[in-house]
Amino acid sequence: MANVLSKSNIANSNTIEAWQVSQSVDAFTGIAAYDITISGSLIITGSTNLSGSTTIVGGDLTTRGFSNATSSWATNVVNTPTSIVGQYTVIGNPTAIAGNLNINAGYAVIPSGSTTVTLTHNNLNGKILGVNCFTSLAVSSSFISPNLNHFPRINSLITSQLQFSITSPHSSSIEFTYTIIYI
């Protein structure tokens, strides 16, 4: 269990000890593990790397990333998958639960004039479409196509490269969301 910052013995007229100052330095430089709770707004300037589990409660996530995202991060989040790993529940009387079900979900665009977009998902290495990797996609309800030739579909999975395609070039870009379920 991580340490908790302490205000022990910090009061008017008391001497501040070195450990009382150094615990904050240790917490914010990562020298020692501390649980940090922030109440109120948080503004971060510069790069941010998250490792471990991340839980977002409330808020507004859009298909392109966090709402109000700015700078290059907001444009780079397109085609970046969100991964969810967990157990699945079988309805009925299963003899055994095989293991974890993994889900990648994301947003992608087939640019105007193109017929394909290829996304790299390193965790799909060695997977075979329809055997241990299943995909689906959805386009906006406002998407209008005269025929299915302009509707995106999953074309292939070669190593970690998942390719979505349309039959012929389209005059405007086609945005879609995708879900990959794999074991």
N, C-alpha and C. Protein backbone atom coordinates (compact mmCIF):
# COMPACT_ATOMS: atom_id res chain seq x y z
N MET A 1 0.85 -1.18 0.00
CA MET A 1 0.00 0.00 0.00
C MET A 1 0.88 1.23 0.00
N ALA A 2 0.49 2.24 -0.75
CA ALA A 2 1.28 3.46 -0.88
C ALA A 2 1.16 4.31 0.38
N ASN A 3 2.15 5.17 0.60
CA ASN A 3 2.14 6.11 1.71
C ASN A 3 1.08 7.18 1.49
N VAL A 4 0.74 7.88 2.56
CA VAL A 4 -0.19 9.00 2.50
C VAL A 4 0.53 10.21 3.05
N LEU A 5 0.43 11.35 2.35
CA LEU A 5 1.06 12.58 2.84
C LEU A 5 0.48 12.93 4.21
N SER A 6 1.35 13.37 5.11
CA SER A 6 0.93 13.66 6.47
C SER A 6 1.20 15.11 6.85
N LYS A 7 0.25 15.71 7.59
CA LYS A 7 0.43 17.05 8.14
C LYS A 7 0.76 16.98 9.62
N SER A 8 1.15 15.80 10.08
CA SER A 8 1.43 15.58 11.49
C SER A 8 2.41 16.62 12.03
N ASN A 9 2.02 17.28 13.11
CA ASN A 9 2.85 18.24 13.83
C ASN A 9 3.10 19.53 13.03
N ILE A 10 2.39 19.74 11.92
CA ILE A 10 2.53 21.00 11.20
C ILE A 10 1.47 21.96 11.75
N ALA A 11 1.93 22.96 12.50
CA ALA A 11 1.03 23.93 13.12
C ALA A 11 1.82 25.20 13.40
N ASN A 12 1.12 26.28 13.64
CA ASN A 12 1.77 27.54 13.99
C ASN A 12 2.69 27.34 15.19
N SER A 13 3.85 27.95 15.15
CA SER A 13 4.86 27.94 16.21
C SER A 13 5.61 26.62 16.32
N ASN A 14 5.28 25.61 15.54
CA ASN A 14 6.04 24.35 15.57
C ASN A 14 7.18 24.41 14.56
N THR A 15 8.22 23.63 14.83
CA THR A 15 9.34 23.53 13.91
C THR A 15 8.97 22.54 12.81
N ILE A 16 9.21 22.94 11.57
CA ILE A 16 8.97 22.04 10.43
C ILE A 16 10.19 21.15 10.29
N GLU A 17 9.96 19.84 10.29
CA GLU A 17 11.04 18.86 10.17
C GLU A 17 11.32 18.56 8.70
N ALA A 18 12.52 18.09 8.42
CA ALA A 18 12.91 17.77 7.05
C ALA A 18 12.01 16.72 6.44
N TRP A 19 11.60 15.70 7.19
CA TRP A 19 10.76 14.63 6.65
C TRP A 19 9.42 15.17 6.18
N GLN A 20 8.94 16.26 6.84
CA GLN A 20 7.64 16.82 6.47
C GLN A 20 7.69 17.49 5.10
N VAL A 21 8.84 18.02 4.74
CA VAL A 21 9.01 18.63 3.43
C VAL A 21 9.37 17.57 2.40
N SER A 22 10.27 16.67 2.77
CA SER A 22 10.77 15.68 1.80
C SER A 22 9.70 14.69 1.37
N GLN A 23 8.67 14.44 2.21
CA GLN A 23 7.62 13.51 1.78
C GLN A 23 6.89 14.03 0.53
N SER A 24 6.70 15.34 0.45
CA SER A 24 6.05 15.91 -0.74
C SER A 24 6.95 15.78 -1.95
N VAL A 25 8.24 16.03 -1.76
CA VAL A 25 9.20 15.89 -2.86
C VAL A 25 9.24 14.43 -3.32
N ASP A 26 9.30 13.50 -2.36
CA ASP A 26 9.31 12.07 -2.71
C ASP A 26 8.04 11.68 -3.46
N ALA A 27 6.88 12.21 -3.04
CA ALA A 27 5.61 11.86 -3.66
C ALA A 27 5.53 12.35 -5.10
N PHE A 28 5.96 13.60 -5.35
CA PHE A 28 5.79 14.19 -6.67
C PHE A 28 6.93 13.90 -7.63
N THR A 29 8.02 13.35 -7.14
CA THR A 29 9.11 12.95 -8.03
C THR A 29 9.12 11.45 -8.26
N GLY A 30 8.26 10.72 -7.54
CA GLY A 30 8.17 9.27 -7.73
C GLY A 30 9.23 8.49 -6.98
N ILE A 31 9.96 9.12 -6.09
CA ILE A 31 10.98 8.41 -5.30
C ILE A 31 10.31 7.37 -4.41
N ALA A 32 9.16 7.71 -3.85
CA ALA A 32 8.40 6.78 -3.02
C ALA A 32 6.94 6.83 -3.47
N ALA A 33 6.22 5.73 -3.26
CA ALA A 33 4.82 5.64 -3.69
C ALA A 33 3.91 6.31 -2.66
N TYR A 34 3.14 7.28 -3.11
CA TYR A 34 2.17 7.98 -2.28
C TYR A 34 0.84 8.01 -3.00
N ASP A 35 -0.24 7.84 -2.24
CA ASP A 35 -1.57 8.05 -2.79
C ASP A 35 -1.84 9.55 -2.75
N ILE A 36 -2.18 10.13 -3.90
CA ILE A 36 -2.43 11.56 -3.99
C ILE A 36 -3.90 11.75 -4.40
N THR A 37 -4.63 12.56 -3.66
CA THR A 37 -5.99 12.89 -4.00
C THR A 37 -6.04 14.39 -4.27
N ILE A 38 -6.60 14.74 -5.42
CA ILE A 38 -6.71 16.15 -5.80
C ILE A 38 -8.18 16.51 -5.78
N SER A 39 -8.52 17.55 -5.05
CA SER A 39 -9.88 18.04 -5.01
C SER A 39 -9.93 19.35 -5.78
N GLY A 40 -10.81 19.44 -6.74
CA GLY A 40 -10.88 20.63 -7.58
C GLY A 40 -10.34 20.33 -8.96
N SER A 41 -10.09 21.36 -9.73
CA SER A 41 -9.63 21.21 -11.10
C SER A 41 -8.14 20.93 -11.14
N LEU A 42 -7.70 20.27 -12.20
CA LEU A 42 -6.28 19.98 -12.41
C LEU A 42 -5.93 20.42 -13.82
N ILE A 43 -4.93 21.26 -13.94
CA ILE A 43 -4.43 21.70 -15.24
C ILE A 43 -3.00 21.21 -15.37
N ILE A 44 -2.72 20.48 -16.44
CA ILE A 44 -1.38 19.93 -16.67
C ILE A 44 -0.83 20.56 -17.93
N THR A 45 0.37 21.10 -17.85
CA THR A 45 1.05 21.66 -19.01
C THR A 45 2.24 20.75 -19.30
N GLY A 46 2.38 20.33 -20.54
CA GLY A 46 3.48 19.44 -20.90
C GLY A 46 2.97 18.03 -21.14
N SER A 47 3.89 17.13 -21.37
CA SER A 47 3.54 15.74 -21.67
C SER A 47 3.01 15.04 -20.43
N THR A 48 2.10 14.10 -20.65
CA THR A 48 1.54 13.32 -19.56
C THR A 48 1.56 11.85 -19.97
N ASN A 49 2.17 11.02 -19.15
CA ASN A 49 2.21 9.58 -19.39
C ASN A 49 1.47 8.89 -18.26
N LEU A 50 0.48 8.06 -18.61
CA LEU A 50 -0.26 7.31 -17.61
C LEU A 50 0.14 5.85 -17.71
N SER A 51 0.44 5.23 -16.59
CA SER A 51 0.69 3.79 -16.59
C SER A 51 -0.14 3.18 -15.48
N GLY A 52 -0.45 1.92 -15.60
CA GLY A 52 -1.33 1.29 -14.64
C GLY A 52 -2.77 1.48 -15.05
N SER A 53 -3.69 1.14 -14.16
CA SER A 53 -5.10 1.27 -14.51
C SER A 53 -5.55 2.71 -14.36
N THR A 54 -6.47 3.12 -15.23
CA THR A 54 -7.01 4.47 -15.21
C THR A 54 -8.53 4.37 -15.19
N THR A 55 -9.16 5.02 -14.25
CA THR A 55 -10.61 5.02 -14.15
C THR A 55 -11.10 6.44 -14.33
N ILE A 56 -12.06 6.62 -15.23
CA ILE A 56 -12.65 7.94 -15.45
C ILE A 56 -14.10 7.84 -15.00
N VAL A 57 -14.45 8.65 -14.03
CA VAL A 57 -15.82 8.65 -13.50
C VAL A 57 -16.49 9.92 -13.96
N GLY A 58 -17.64 9.79 -14.62
CA GLY A 58 -18.33 10.97 -15.12
C GLY A 58 -17.58 11.55 -16.30
N GLY A 59 -17.75 12.83 -16.53
CA GLY A 59 -17.04 13.48 -17.63
C GLY A 59 -17.64 13.14 -18.97
N ASP A 60 -17.01 13.63 -20.00
CA ASP A 60 -17.51 13.45 -21.35
C ASP A 60 -16.37 13.01 -22.24
N LEU A 61 -16.41 11.75 -22.69
CA LEU A 61 -15.43 11.27 -23.65
C LEU A 61 -16.11 11.21 -25.01
N THR A 62 -15.43 11.72 -26.03
CA THR A 62 -15.98 11.65 -27.37
C THR A 62 -15.18 10.63 -28.15
N THR A 63 -15.64 10.28 -29.34
CA THR A 63 -14.94 9.28 -30.13
C THR A 63 -13.55 9.74 -30.55
N ARG A 64 -13.29 11.02 -30.51
CA ARG A 64 -11.97 11.52 -30.89
C ARG A 64 -11.06 11.72 -29.70
N GLY A 65 -11.52 11.50 -28.50
CA GLY A 65 -10.69 11.71 -27.32
C GLY A 65 -11.45 12.49 -26.29
N PHE A 66 -10.75 13.01 -25.30
CA PHE A 66 -11.39 13.75 -24.25
C PHE A 66 -11.97 15.04 -24.81
N SER A 67 -13.13 15.43 -24.28
CA SER A 67 -13.70 16.70 -24.73
C SER A 67 -12.79 17.83 -24.27
N ASN A 68 -12.78 18.90 -25.03
CA ASN A 68 -11.95 20.07 -24.76
C ASN A 68 -10.46 19.79 -24.87
N ALA A 69 -10.05 18.68 -25.49
CA ALA A 69 -8.63 18.41 -25.68
C ALA A 69 -8.07 19.43 -26.66
N THR A 70 -6.86 19.88 -26.40
CA THR A 70 -6.26 20.90 -27.26
C THR A 70 -4.87 20.46 -27.69
N SER A 71 -4.27 21.22 -28.56
CA SER A 71 -2.91 21.02 -29.04
C SER A 71 -2.82 19.76 -29.90
N SER A 72 -1.60 19.25 -30.11
CA SER A 72 -1.41 18.13 -31.02
C SER A 72 -2.03 16.85 -30.49
N TRP A 73 -2.18 16.72 -29.19
CA TRP A 73 -2.76 15.49 -28.64
C TRP A 73 -4.15 15.24 -29.19
N ALA A 74 -4.93 16.31 -29.35
CA ALA A 74 -6.31 16.16 -29.81
C ALA A 74 -6.36 15.59 -31.23
N THR A 75 -5.44 16.00 -32.10
CA THR A 75 -5.47 15.48 -33.46
C THR A 75 -4.80 14.11 -33.54
N ASN A 76 -3.84 13.84 -32.68
CA ASN A 76 -3.16 12.55 -32.73
C ASN A 76 -3.99 11.42 -32.14
N VAL A 77 -5.04 11.73 -31.38
CA VAL A 77 -5.83 10.68 -30.76
C VAL A 77 -6.68 9.93 -31.79
N VAL A 78 -6.94 10.54 -32.95
CA VAL A 78 -7.67 9.84 -33.99
C VAL A 78 -6.87 8.60 -34.39
N ASN A 79 -7.54 7.49 -34.55
CA ASN A 79 -6.94 6.20 -34.88
C ASN A 79 -6.16 5.58 -33.73
N THR A 80 -6.29 6.12 -32.51
CA THR A 80 -5.65 5.52 -31.35
C THR A 80 -6.68 4.68 -30.62
N PRO A 81 -6.44 3.38 -30.43
CA PRO A 81 -7.46 2.52 -29.84
C PRO A 81 -7.56 2.69 -28.33
N THR A 82 -8.74 2.43 -27.83
CA THR A 82 -8.96 2.29 -26.40
C THR A 82 -9.04 0.81 -26.13
N SER A 83 -8.30 0.33 -25.15
CA SER A 83 -8.29 -1.11 -24.85
C SER A 83 -8.99 -1.38 -23.52
N ILE A 84 -9.79 -2.41 -23.51
CA ILE A 84 -10.47 -2.85 -22.29
C ILE A 84 -10.18 -4.34 -22.15
N VAL A 85 -9.68 -4.74 -21.00
CA VAL A 85 -9.41 -6.15 -20.77
C VAL A 85 -10.21 -6.58 -19.55
N GLY A 86 -10.93 -7.68 -19.67
CA GLY A 86 -11.70 -8.15 -18.53
C GLY A 86 -12.27 -9.51 -18.80
N GLN A 87 -13.06 -10.02 -17.87
CA GLN A 87 -13.66 -11.32 -18.06
C GLN A 87 -15.03 -11.17 -18.68
N TYR A 88 -15.45 -12.20 -19.38
CA TYR A 88 -16.77 -12.18 -19.97
C TYR A 88 -17.65 -13.18 -19.23
N THR A 89 -18.94 -12.95 -19.29
CA THR A 89 -19.89 -13.82 -18.60
C THR A 89 -20.65 -14.64 -19.62
N VAL A 90 -20.73 -15.93 -19.38
CA VAL A 90 -21.46 -16.83 -20.26
C VAL A 90 -22.82 -17.09 -19.64
N ILE A 91 -23.89 -16.97 -20.44
CA ILE A 91 -25.23 -17.23 -19.95
C ILE A 91 -25.54 -18.70 -20.21
N GLY A 92 -26.11 -19.37 -19.25
CA GLY A 92 -26.42 -20.79 -19.39
C GLY A 92 -25.63 -21.60 -18.38
N ASN A 93 -25.28 -22.80 -18.76
CA ASN A 93 -24.54 -23.70 -17.88
C ASN A 93 -23.20 -24.06 -18.49
N PRO A 94 -22.25 -23.14 -18.48
CA PRO A 94 -20.96 -23.45 -19.07
C PRO A 94 -20.20 -24.45 -18.21
N THR A 95 -19.36 -25.25 -18.87
CA THR A 95 -18.53 -26.18 -18.11
C THR A 95 -17.28 -25.50 -17.60
N ALA A 96 -16.85 -24.45 -18.26
CA ALA A 96 -15.66 -23.72 -17.81
C ALA A 96 -15.62 -22.36 -18.46
N ILE A 97 -15.00 -21.42 -17.78
CA ILE A 97 -14.73 -20.12 -18.37
C ILE A 97 -13.34 -20.18 -18.96
N ALA A 98 -13.20 -19.88 -20.25
CA ALA A 98 -11.93 -20.07 -20.93
C ALA A 98 -10.89 -19.04 -20.54
N GLY A 99 -11.29 -17.83 -20.21
CA GLY A 99 -10.29 -16.82 -19.88
C GLY A 99 -10.80 -15.42 -20.13
N ASN A 100 -9.88 -14.53 -20.42
CA ASN A 100 -10.22 -13.13 -20.61
C ASN A 100 -10.65 -12.84 -22.04
N LEU A 101 -11.53 -11.88 -22.16
CA LEU A 101 -11.96 -11.36 -23.44
C LEU A 101 -11.38 -9.96 -23.54
N ASN A 102 -10.74 -9.63 -24.63
CA ASN A 102 -10.09 -8.34 -24.81
C ASN A 102 -10.84 -7.53 -25.85
N ILE A 103 -11.01 -6.25 -25.57
CA ILE A 103 -11.74 -5.39 -26.49
C ILE A 103 -10.89 -4.16 -26.80
N ASN A 104 -10.71 -3.88 -28.09
CA ASN A 104 -10.13 -2.62 -28.54
C ASN A 104 -11.23 -1.87 -29.26
N ALA A 105 -11.35 -0.59 -29.01
CA ALA A 105 -12.34 0.22 -29.70
C ALA A 105 -11.68 1.51 -30.11
N GLY A 106 -12.07 2.05 -31.23
CA GLY A 106 -11.46 3.29 -31.68
C GLY A 106 -12.25 3.96 -32.78
N TYR A 107 -11.66 5.01 -33.31
CA TYR A 107 -12.26 5.83 -34.33
C TYR A 107 -11.26 5.93 -35.48
N ALA A 108 -11.71 5.83 -36.70
CA ALA A 108 -10.80 5.92 -37.85
C ALA A 108 -11.49 6.62 -39.01
N VAL A 109 -10.69 7.01 -39.98
CA VAL A 109 -11.20 7.73 -41.14
C VAL A 109 -10.57 7.15 -42.40
N ILE A 110 -11.39 6.85 -43.40
CA ILE A 110 -10.88 6.57 -44.74
C ILE A 110 -10.93 7.91 -45.47
N PRO A 111 -9.77 8.50 -45.79
CA PRO A 111 -9.75 9.84 -46.38
C PRO A 111 -10.44 9.87 -47.74
N SER A 112 -10.89 11.05 -48.14
CA SER A 112 -11.52 11.18 -49.45
C SER A 112 -10.51 10.79 -50.53
N GLY A 113 -10.99 10.10 -51.54
CA GLY A 113 -10.13 9.65 -52.63
C GLY A 113 -9.39 8.37 -52.34
N SER A 114 -9.48 7.85 -51.12
CA SER A 114 -8.78 6.61 -50.75
C SER A 114 -9.77 5.45 -50.71
N THR A 115 -9.22 4.26 -50.72
CA THR A 115 -10.07 3.07 -50.58
C THR A 115 -9.77 2.29 -49.33
N THR A 116 -8.67 2.58 -48.63
CA THR A 116 -8.32 1.81 -47.43
C THR A 116 -7.73 2.69 -46.34
N VAL A 117 -7.81 2.19 -45.14
CA VAL A 117 -7.06 2.72 -44.00
C VAL A 117 -6.55 1.50 -43.24
N THR A 118 -5.29 1.53 -42.84
CA THR A 118 -4.68 0.41 -42.13
C THR A 118 -4.29 0.87 -40.74
N LEU A 119 -4.77 0.14 -39.74
CA LEU A 119 -4.49 0.47 -38.34
C LEU A 119 -3.62 -0.63 -37.75
N THR A 120 -2.66 -0.23 -36.94
CA THR A 120 -1.76 -1.20 -36.31
C THR A 120 -2.19 -1.42 -34.87
N HIS A 121 -2.45 -2.67 -34.52
CA HIS A 121 -2.78 -3.08 -33.16
C HIS A 121 -1.80 -4.20 -32.80
N ASN A 122 -0.73 -3.86 -32.10
CA ASN A 122 0.31 -4.85 -31.80
C ASN A 122 -0.22 -6.06 -31.04
N ASN A 123 -1.29 -5.88 -30.27
CA ASN A 123 -1.83 -7.01 -29.51
C ASN A 123 -2.61 -7.99 -30.39
N LEU A 124 -2.74 -7.72 -31.69
CA LEU A 124 -3.41 -8.65 -32.61
C LEU A 124 -2.43 -9.55 -33.34
N ASN A 125 -1.14 -9.43 -33.04
CA ASN A 125 -0.14 -10.30 -33.68
C ASN A 125 -0.52 -11.76 -33.49
N GLY A 126 -0.54 -12.51 -34.58
CA GLY A 126 -0.85 -13.93 -34.52
C GLY A 126 -2.32 -14.26 -34.46
N LYS A 127 -3.19 -13.26 -34.43
CA LYS A 127 -4.64 -13.52 -34.39
C LYS A 127 -5.16 -13.72 -35.81
N ILE A 128 -6.25 -14.47 -35.94
CA ILE A 128 -6.86 -14.75 -37.23
C ILE A 128 -8.30 -14.25 -37.19
N LEU A 129 -8.68 -13.45 -38.20
CA LEU A 129 -10.05 -12.95 -38.27
C LEU A 129 -11.04 -14.10 -38.27
N GLY A 130 -12.06 -14.00 -37.45
CA GLY A 130 -13.11 -15.02 -37.40
C GLY A 130 -12.76 -16.24 -36.59
N VAL A 131 -11.52 -16.32 -36.06
CA VAL A 131 -11.14 -17.47 -35.23
C VAL A 131 -10.92 -17.01 -33.79
N ASN A 132 -9.96 -16.13 -33.60
CA ASN A 132 -9.73 -15.59 -32.27
C ASN A 132 -9.69 -14.06 -32.29
N CYS A 133 -10.21 -13.47 -33.38
CA CYS A 133 -10.31 -12.02 -33.51
C CYS A 133 -11.58 -11.71 -34.30
N PHE A 134 -12.46 -10.92 -33.71
CA PHE A 134 -13.72 -10.58 -34.34
C PHE A 134 -13.86 -9.07 -34.35
N THR A 135 -14.31 -8.51 -35.45
CA THR A 135 -14.40 -7.06 -35.57
C THR A 135 -15.79 -6.63 -36.02
N SER A 136 -16.12 -5.40 -35.67
CA SER A 136 -17.35 -4.79 -36.18
C SER A 136 -17.07 -3.31 -36.36
N LEU A 137 -17.87 -2.64 -37.16
CA LEU A 137 -17.70 -1.21 -37.33
C LEU A 137 -19.06 -0.57 -37.50
N ALA A 138 -19.09 0.73 -37.27
CA ALA A 138 -20.32 1.49 -37.41
C ALA A 138 -19.99 2.85 -37.98
N VAL A 139 -20.84 3.34 -38.85
CA VAL A 139 -20.69 4.69 -39.39
C VAL A 139 -21.82 5.54 -38.84
N SER A 140 -21.67 6.83 -38.95
CA SER A 140 -22.67 7.76 -38.46
C SER A 140 -24.02 7.48 -39.11
N SER A 141 -25.09 7.71 -38.35
CA SER A 141 -26.43 7.50 -38.91
C SER A 141 -26.73 8.50 -40.03
N SER A 142 -25.92 9.55 -40.12
CA SER A 142 -26.14 10.52 -41.19
C SER A 142 -25.38 10.15 -42.47
N PHE A 143 -24.60 9.06 -42.42
CA PHE A 143 -23.84 8.63 -43.59
C PHE A 143 -24.80 8.11 -44.65
N ILE A 144 -24.72 8.66 -45.85
CA ILE A 144 -25.59 8.25 -46.95
C ILE A 144 -24.72 7.71 -48.07
N SER A 145 -25.02 6.51 -48.52
CA SER A 145 -24.29 5.91 -49.62
C SER A 145 -25.29 5.30 -50.58
N PRO A 146 -25.09 5.52 -51.88
CA PRO A 146 -26.04 4.97 -52.85
C PRO A 146 -25.99 3.43 -52.91
N ASN A 147 -24.87 2.86 -52.51
CA ASN A 147 -24.77 1.40 -52.51
C ASN A 147 -23.73 0.97 -51.49
N LEU A 148 -23.62 -0.31 -51.28
CA LEU A 148 -22.71 -0.83 -50.26
C LEU A 148 -21.24 -0.72 -50.65
N ASN A 149 -20.95 -0.35 -51.92
CA ASN A 149 -19.56 -0.21 -52.33
C ASN A 149 -18.82 0.87 -51.53
N HIS A 150 -19.57 1.85 -51.03
CA HIS A 150 -18.95 2.94 -50.29
C HIS A 150 -19.06 2.76 -48.78
N PHE A 151 -19.54 1.60 -48.34
CA PHE A 151 -19.66 1.34 -46.92
C PHE A 151 -18.40 0.62 -46.45
N PRO A 152 -17.71 1.13 -45.42
CA PRO A 152 -16.47 0.48 -44.97
C PRO A 152 -16.71 -0.95 -44.49
N ARG A 153 -15.71 -1.79 -44.66
CA ARG A 153 -15.77 -3.17 -44.17
C ARG A 153 -14.36 -3.60 -43.79
N ILE A 154 -14.29 -4.62 -42.98
CA ILE A 154 -12.99 -5.14 -42.57
C ILE A 154 -12.44 -5.94 -43.74
N ASN A 155 -11.26 -5.56 -44.19
CA ASN A 155 -10.68 -6.18 -45.37
C ASN A 155 -9.73 -7.31 -45.01
N SER A 156 -8.80 -7.06 -44.09
CA SER A 156 -7.81 -8.10 -43.77
C SER A 156 -7.14 -7.82 -42.44
N LEU A 157 -6.53 -8.85 -41.89
CA LEU A 157 -5.68 -8.74 -40.71
C LEU A 157 -4.40 -9.49 -41.04
N ILE A 158 -3.31 -8.74 -41.22
CA ILE A 158 -2.01 -9.35 -41.51
C ILE A 158 -1.09 -8.92 -40.38
N THR A 159 -0.56 -9.86 -39.65
CA THR A 159 0.20 -9.65 -38.41
C THR A 159 -0.61 -8.70 -37.53
N SER A 160 -0.13 -7.51 -37.27
CA SER A 160 -0.86 -6.58 -36.40
C SER A 160 -1.58 -5.50 -37.19
N GLN A 161 -1.60 -5.62 -38.51
CA GLN A 161 -2.19 -4.60 -39.38
C GLN A 161 -3.62 -4.98 -39.73
N LEU A 162 -4.57 -4.19 -39.24
CA LEU A 162 -5.98 -4.42 -39.53
C LEU A 162 -6.40 -3.39 -40.58
N GLN A 163 -6.90 -3.87 -41.72
CA GLN A 163 -7.21 -2.98 -42.83
C GLN A 163 -8.72 -2.90 -43.04
N PHE A 164 -9.22 -1.67 -43.10
CA PHE A 164 -10.61 -1.40 -43.44
C PHE A 164 -10.62 -0.83 -44.85
N SER A 165 -11.64 -1.19 -45.64
CA SER A 165 -11.63 -0.74 -47.04
C SER A 165 -13.03 -0.43 -47.54
N ILE A 166 -13.06 0.28 -48.65
CA ILE A 166 -14.27 0.47 -49.44
C ILE A 166 -13.91 0.07 -50.87
N THR A 167 -14.90 -0.23 -51.70
CA THR A 167 -14.63 -0.72 -53.04
C THR A 167 -14.04 0.33 -53.96
N SER A 168 -14.55 1.55 -53.90
CA SER A 168 -14.06 2.59 -54.80
C SER A 168 -13.86 3.88 -54.03
N PRO A 169 -13.02 4.78 -54.56
CA PRO A 169 -12.77 6.05 -53.86
C PRO A 169 -14.06 6.83 -53.65
N HIS A 170 -14.11 7.54 -52.56
CA HIS A 170 -15.28 8.32 -52.21
C HIS A 170 -14.91 9.80 -52.24
N SER A 171 -15.86 10.67 -52.57
CA SER A 171 -15.55 12.10 -52.71
C SER A 171 -15.36 12.81 -51.37
N SER A 172 -15.80 12.21 -50.28
CA SER A 172 -15.56 12.80 -48.95
C SER A 172 -15.04 11.71 -48.02
N SER A 173 -14.39 12.13 -46.95
CA SER A 173 -13.85 11.14 -46.02
C SER A 173 -14.98 10.40 -45.32
N ILE A 174 -14.71 9.15 -44.97
CA ILE A 174 -15.71 8.33 -44.29
C ILE A 174 -15.19 8.04 -42.88
N GLU A 175 -15.89 8.56 -41.90
CA GLU A 175 -15.52 8.35 -40.50
C GLU A 175 -16.29 7.15 -39.97
N PHE A 176 -15.63 6.35 -39.15
CA PHE A 176 -16.31 5.21 -38.57
C PHE A 176 -15.67 4.84 -37.24
N THR A 177 -16.45 4.15 -36.41
CA THR A 177 -15.92 3.59 -35.17
C THR A 177 -15.81 2.10 -35.36
N TYR A 178 -14.86 1.50 -34.67
CA TYR A 178 -14.68 0.06 -34.79
C TYR A 178 -14.51 -0.57 -33.41
N THR A 179 -14.86 -1.83 -33.35
CA THR A 179 -14.68 -2.62 -32.13
C THR A 179 -13.99 -3.91 -32.53
N ILE A 180 -12.95 -4.26 -31.81
CA ILE A 180 -12.23 -5.51 -32.04
C ILE A 180 -12.34 -6.33 -30.77
N ILE A 181 -12.84 -7.53 -30.89
CA ILE A 181 -12.92 -8.44 -29.75
C ILE A 181 -11.99 -9.60 -30.04
N TYR A 182 -11.06 -9.88 -29.15
CA TYR A 182 -10.12 -10.96 -29.40
C TYR A 182 -9.81 -11.71 -28.12
N ILE A 183 -9.35 -12.95 -28.29
CA ILE A 183 -8.99 -13.78 -27.14
C ILE A 183 -7.52 -14.19 -27.26
